[in-house]
Each structure stands twice: as structure tokens, then as C-alpha cells.
Amino acid sequence: MARTKQSRTNATPGFAIEIKDDTELGLAMLIADLGDGHYQPIGVVVSINEAREIAASDMRGRMRDLEAGGTPACPESYVVWAQGLEGDYREVKRLMP
């Protein structure tokens, strides 16, 4: 069977493939962007779908803390970062809380 080169025309910029919600990202990072240059690492994720679940859980925890009288930081967004073609970490997806 002949092998063909996979076309990169649909690849996500900076990545070898198109990144979809269920694409395995390896060891990607989920970061809460708190605004004004501040951020908070949330955890390691393997897909955008998993990042959505963890971000939602994190936000629920922050809301419980707020309801209990705490003062949790409220993220402007959650950002998924994954290692790109050149070995650097790049933003893959920005999720709204």
C-alpha cells in the first residue's frame, strides 16, 4: 500500500494537524487568564474537551467560594496551551468562563 503525505492545508497554525475538540494534545496546560497580565495554572489536560470540563469545575469552585464569603479571582478566560511544531508552547484555544 502506498503512503501519501498528509496535507497540512487544514492544520492549526503552529501545529502539524488541525486541532479539534477531541484531538489528543499530549501534555497541554490549562491556564486561567485573570487579566492585567496575571494568570493561574489550573492543570494538565489532554484535549480541549477535557479542558472545558476542568475549567467548568474550576469556575464552580470559585463561585462556591464567592458564595461562602471568599474573594476568589474571576478569570476573564481559560486558555489551553500545547506544544507546537517548533517545540514552543502555543495557545490552542481560549474558553470563556
Protein backbone atom coordinates (compact mmCIF):
# COMPACT_ATOMS: atom_id res chain seq x y z
CA MET A 1 0.00 0.00 0.00
CA ALA A 2 1.40 3.38 -0.97
CA ARG A 3 1.76 6.06 1.67
CA THR A 4 0.67 9.57 0.92
CA LYS A 5 1.74 12.70 2.67
CA GLN A 6 -0.99 14.19 4.81
CA SER A 7 -1.97 17.63 3.64
CA ARG A 8 -1.32 20.38 6.15
CA THR A 9 -3.70 22.81 4.49
CA ASN A 10 -6.19 22.41 7.36
CA ALA A 11 -3.54 22.40 10.08
CA THR A 12 -4.00 24.74 13.00
CA PRO A 13 -1.32 27.47 12.71
CA GLY A 14 1.83 26.36 14.54
CA PHE A 15 0.75 22.70 14.65
CA ALA A 16 1.18 19.74 12.27
CA ILE A 17 -2.54 18.89 12.33
CA GLU A 18 -5.90 20.54 12.71
CA ILE A 19 -6.68 20.77 16.42
CA LYS A 20 -10.26 19.73 17.15
CA ASP A 21 -12.06 19.43 20.47
CA ASP A 22 -11.18 15.75 20.87
CA THR A 23 -7.63 15.88 19.43
CA GLU A 24 -5.09 14.41 21.85
CA LEU A 25 -2.72 17.25 22.69
CA GLY A 26 -0.12 15.36 24.70
CA LEU A 27 0.58 17.30 27.89
CA ALA A 28 -1.27 20.55 27.31
CA MET A 29 -1.77 23.14 30.04
CA LEU A 30 -4.98 24.85 31.15
CA ILE A 31 -4.36 28.37 32.43
CA ALA A 32 -6.84 30.81 33.98
CA ASP A 33 -6.23 34.26 32.48
CA LEU A 34 -7.07 36.69 35.27
CA GLY A 35 -6.44 39.82 33.20
CA ASP A 36 -3.88 42.59 33.64
CA GLY A 37 -1.09 40.12 32.86
CA HIS A 38 -1.96 37.80 35.74
CA TYR A 39 -2.63 34.11 35.28
CA GLN A 40 -3.06 30.94 37.32
CA PRO A 41 -2.15 27.42 36.19
CA ILE A 42 -5.14 25.10 36.62
CA GLY A 43 -3.84 21.74 35.42
CA VAL A 44 -2.65 19.45 32.67
CA VAL A 45 -5.22 18.42 30.04
CA VAL A 46 -5.10 16.06 27.06
CA SER A 47 -7.84 17.63 24.92
CA ILE A 48 -9.94 20.75 24.56
CA ASN A 49 -12.98 18.75 25.72
CA GLU A 50 -11.19 17.85 28.95
CA ALA A 51 -10.11 21.48 29.35
CA ARG A 52 -13.76 22.58 29.12
CA GLU A 53 -14.75 20.13 31.87
CA ILE A 54 -11.91 21.18 34.17
CA ALA A 55 -12.49 24.90 33.52
CA ALA A 56 -16.20 24.49 34.34
CA SER A 57 -15.33 22.63 37.54
CA ASP A 58 -12.79 25.30 38.50
CA MET A 59 -15.35 28.06 37.91
CA ARG A 60 -17.96 26.23 40.01
CA GLY A 61 -15.42 26.02 42.83
CA ARG A 62 -14.71 29.74 42.56
CA MET A 63 -18.45 30.51 42.69
CA ARG A 64 -18.89 28.31 45.79
CA ASP A 65 -16.00 30.19 47.41
CA LEU A 66 -17.62 33.51 46.49
CA GLU A 67 -21.00 32.42 47.91
CA ALA A 68 -19.23 31.41 51.14
CA GLY A 69 -17.86 34.94 51.51
CA GLY A 70 -14.47 34.38 49.90
CA THR A 71 -12.81 36.60 47.33
CA PRO A 72 -11.67 34.27 44.54
CA ALA A 73 -10.09 35.68 41.41
CA CYS A 74 -12.52 35.63 38.49
CA PRO A 75 -10.86 34.53 35.23
CA GLU A 76 -11.51 36.53 32.07
CA SER A 77 -10.93 33.29 30.18
CA TYR A 78 -9.31 29.89 30.37
CA VAL A 79 -6.54 29.19 27.86
CA VAL A 80 -5.30 25.83 26.57
CA TRP A 81 -1.59 25.80 25.67
CA ALA A 82 0.08 22.92 23.81
CA GLN A 83 3.50 22.26 22.35
CA GLY A 84 3.68 23.33 18.71
CA LEU A 85 5.80 22.25 15.75
CA GLU A 86 8.91 24.08 16.87
CA GLY A 87 8.75 22.87 20.48
CA ASP A 88 7.35 26.07 21.92
CA TYR A 89 4.03 26.24 23.73
CA ARG A 90 1.28 27.98 21.78
CA GLU A 91 -2.27 28.99 22.57
CA VAL A 92 -4.60 26.37 21.15
CA LYS A 93 -7.99 27.54 22.42
CA ARG A 94 -9.43 30.29 24.60
CA LEU A 95 -12.50 29.25 26.61
CA MET A 96 -14.89 31.73 28.16
CA PRO A 97 -15.86 31.02 31.79
